[in-house]
Amino acid sequence: MIHPHESQLRYPLGDTLPAPGEAIEIAPGVRWVRMGLPFALDHINLWLLRDRSEDGRDGWAIVDCGIATDATRAAWERVFDHALEGLPVLRVIVTHMHPDHIGLADWLCERWACRLWVSATDWNAARMASQQTTGFGGESAARFFGEHGLTDPEALDKVRARRNYYASMVPSVPQAFRRLMDGQRLAIGAAQWHAIAGFGHAPEHIALHSEAQGVLISGDMVLPRISTNVSVIDLEPEGDPLPLYLASIERLRALPPDTLVLPSHGKPFFGLHQRIAQLKGHHDERLAEALAACREKPTSAAELLPVLFKRVLDLHQTTFAMGEAIAHLHALQSQGLVRPTSGADGVKRFSAPV
């Protein structure tokens, strides 16, 4: 059965996917590569852009990297052998600091003696997280989730045990980089690309738009089948990322409606404006459900999980879901619709006037 949201989007390649180690041309000078991930979300899309260096050498720019595993390195080597036409990689561009995007950036930059391009905020965040796990596991994360009602001892022990979670997928980050900023124009080969900063999902996510080609490399900001994770983590416990995310995708509505969207997960699609409307509607519904729960009784983020997520969650999904639930509660709080109180058990719950 096709979800009604799916029928509003159009997939130009249908169900065609690039085989491991291979690339599909999706637009002139733009090739699609797909790498595996060891999660329920089992893949990431990566992109090859025909490029030319400042000294006139022809080659490729890589956009996003995959996580640091032997399997991903081997898949990249097959891409290098079969999809680059004998040309070198001239630069590595990373949309943001999450492991599936920046994990192999250091290896790729060393492999090809080239530079990493990324926002300064995400470079700093990745460098810090690769050296000490914060926001992804360890004692601080377990304590933060406990304060928001996740009290299952086994789950909290598993969170504590994930002390090297980020570093296991991002063991190192290049020590030097070139900074990407909102509004920056990049000449990549014969094409001009426009950097668009987005917030709420990562510290300073950079999407890339080519007006001439009608293509948006959306990273994780706009995905066709799933909603982008928008979480509060222990590093910024009072954070309010959901309004930032919604404002960021609203900015993308200024792009032409016939833009071809190249997302990090799922398939390339047409229907950018429809998808932005769907995502806004999704979060409006989740906010309404969260508010109704808080009106019924004071509610913690953990108690909100079965309200917002109708399926059984594994630990990896639960940590993301907890961050999402807190983000929705903080969005309601910033609007003055709920207020937090700490109970005798030390758990923060949110209540709303009836």
Foldseek 3Di string as FASTA:
>chain_A
DDDPLLVLWFFPVPPDDADQLEWDDPFVQKIWHWDADPDPLTIWIKIWGWFADPVGFTWIEIEFQAFDDPRSVVSVVSNCVPPTVVGAHAEYEFQAQALGGQHCRVVNCVVRVHAYEYAPQRLVVNQVCLVWPFQQAADLQLVLVVQLPPDDVVLSVVRNVCGNVSNVGRNHGDPDHHHDDAQDWDCGHPFIWGWHWAFQQHHTGTWIATLVRLEIAPEQLFDRPDHRQGFATSVHSLDQRPVRSLVRLVVVVPRDQQRFYNYTGDGTIGGSVSRSVVNVVLLVVLLVQLLVVQAVDFHGLVNCLCSSPVDDDDSSRVSSSSRRSSNSVSNCVVVVQWDWDADPSSHITIHGHD
